[in-house]
Amino acid sequence: MPPGVLAAEAPANPRRTSMAGYYEVRATGPGREQFRLFCVLEKASLAELGRRGLARPAIVVLTGMRKPWRTTFGDREYRALRPLDDDHRSSFPRRIAE
């Protein structure tokens, strides 16, 4: 995924996946290969964000996936998001790369 795609794309055009609470950032690569970043938004009061180790709201990338053009992800791929999200939400402070 080209650098800056998340910063440029996510705030302006978040796309909800078929699973509530998740967002995806989309990019197309060579040969129309499709790249996806699956994200959650960290939004809360300043006190709660501080408890989570965050200074401000954040976009958290849980994982990335790729697929050929004009294909879809199956239930198995989408189900793989839940354990990653559960692990992320269970950690205090959050493990965040800067």
Protein backbone atom coordinates (compact mmCIF):
# COMPACT_ATOMS: atom_id res chain seq x y z
CA MET A 1 0.00 0.00 0.00
CA PRO A 2 1.50 3.36 -0.94
CA PRO A 3 2.77 5.49 1.99
CA GLY A 4 0.27 8.00 3.23
CA VAL A 5 -2.80 6.12 1.99
CA LEU A 6 -4.12 5.59 5.50
CA ALA A 7 -3.56 9.21 6.50
CA ALA A 8 -5.05 10.55 3.29
CA GLU A 9 -7.89 8.10 2.76
CA ALA A 10 -9.23 6.99 6.13
CA PRO A 11 -10.47 10.27 7.64
CA ALA A 12 -12.02 11.44 4.40
CA ASN A 13 -13.58 8.21 3.23
CA PRO A 14 -13.97 5.44 5.81
CA ARG A 15 -15.84 2.48 4.40
CA ARG A 16 -17.69 0.28 6.82
CA THR A 17 -17.25 -3.39 6.23
CA SER A 18 -20.15 -5.79 6.46
CA MET A 19 -19.17 -6.22 10.12
CA ALA A 20 -20.28 -3.40 12.41
CA GLY A 21 -17.54 -1.36 14.00
CA TYR A 22 -14.85 -2.08 11.39
CA TYR A 23 -13.65 0.20 8.64
CA GLU A 24 -11.55 -0.55 5.63
CA VAL A 25 -9.12 1.50 3.61
CA ARG A 26 -8.94 0.38 0.00
CA ALA A 27 -6.17 0.64 -2.56
CA THR A 28 -5.66 -0.90 -5.98
CA GLY A 29 -2.26 -2.17 -7.03
CA PRO A 30 -0.69 -3.46 -10.24
CA GLY A 31 -2.97 -5.71 -12.26
CA ARG A 32 -5.91 -4.31 -10.28
CA GLU A 33 -4.97 -6.38 -7.24
CA GLN A 34 -7.02 -5.15 -4.30
CA PHE A 35 -5.43 -4.22 -0.96
CA ARG A 36 -7.43 -3.64 2.22
CA LEU A 37 -6.52 -2.35 5.66
CA PHE A 38 -9.09 -3.28 8.29
CA CYS A 39 -9.33 -0.70 11.05
CA VAL A 40 -11.21 0.33 14.16
CA LEU A 41 -11.58 3.85 15.49
CA GLU A 42 -10.43 4.62 19.03
CA LYS A 43 -12.83 7.35 20.21
CA ALA A 44 -13.65 8.16 23.81
CA SER A 45 -13.43 10.86 26.44
CA LEU A 46 -9.98 12.32 27.06
CA ALA A 47 -9.82 10.47 30.38
CA GLU A 48 -10.60 7.12 28.73
CA LEU A 49 -8.18 7.79 25.88
CA GLY A 50 -5.52 8.50 28.51
CA ARG A 51 -6.28 5.18 30.21
CA ARG A 52 -5.78 3.52 26.85
CA GLY A 53 -2.43 5.30 26.44
CA LEU A 54 -3.64 7.61 23.69
CA ALA A 55 -3.40 11.39 23.60
CA ARG A 56 -6.21 11.76 21.06
CA PRO A 57 -8.59 9.64 18.97
CA ALA A 58 -6.76 7.20 16.70
CA ILE A 59 -7.22 4.89 13.74
CA VAL A 60 -6.02 1.39 14.59
CA VAL A 61 -5.03 -0.96 11.77
CA LEU A 62 -5.86 -4.52 12.83
CA THR A 63 -4.63 -6.28 9.69
CA GLY A 64 -4.19 -6.01 5.97
CA MET A 65 -5.43 -8.35 3.25
CA ARG A 66 -5.14 -8.62 -0.50
CA LYS A 67 -7.32 -10.22 -3.12
CA PRO A 68 -7.60 -10.47 -6.88
CA TRP A 69 -9.79 -7.96 -8.70
CA ARG A 70 -13.54 -8.75 -8.77
CA THR A 71 -13.37 -11.32 -5.99
CA THR A 72 -14.68 -11.10 -2.45
CA PHE A 73 -13.42 -12.01 0.96
CA GLY A 74 -15.22 -14.95 2.52
CA ASP A 75 -16.63 -15.34 6.00
CA ARG A 76 -13.37 -16.95 7.15
CA GLU A 77 -11.37 -13.82 6.32
CA TYR A 78 -13.85 -11.54 8.07
CA ARG A 79 -14.06 -13.83 11.12
CA ALA A 80 -10.26 -13.52 11.48
CA LEU A 81 -10.74 -9.84 12.42
CA ARG A 82 -12.58 -10.54 15.68
CA PRO A 83 -9.69 -12.18 17.62
CA LEU A 84 -7.34 -9.39 16.50
CA ASP A 85 -9.81 -6.77 17.71
CA ASP A 86 -10.41 -8.62 20.99
CA ASP A 87 -6.66 -8.76 21.61
CA HIS A 88 -6.28 -5.06 20.83
CA ARG A 89 -9.14 -3.98 23.09
CA SER A 90 -7.95 -6.13 25.99
CA SER A 91 -4.56 -4.38 26.27
CA PHE A 92 -4.04 -1.36 28.55
CA PRO A 93 -2.30 0.78 27.58
CA ARG A 94 -2.84 -0.02 23.91
CA ARG A 95 0.13 -1.30 21.91
CA ILE A 96 0.49 1.55 19.45
CA ALA A 97 3.34 2.14 17.01
CA GLU A 98 4.19 5.76 16.41
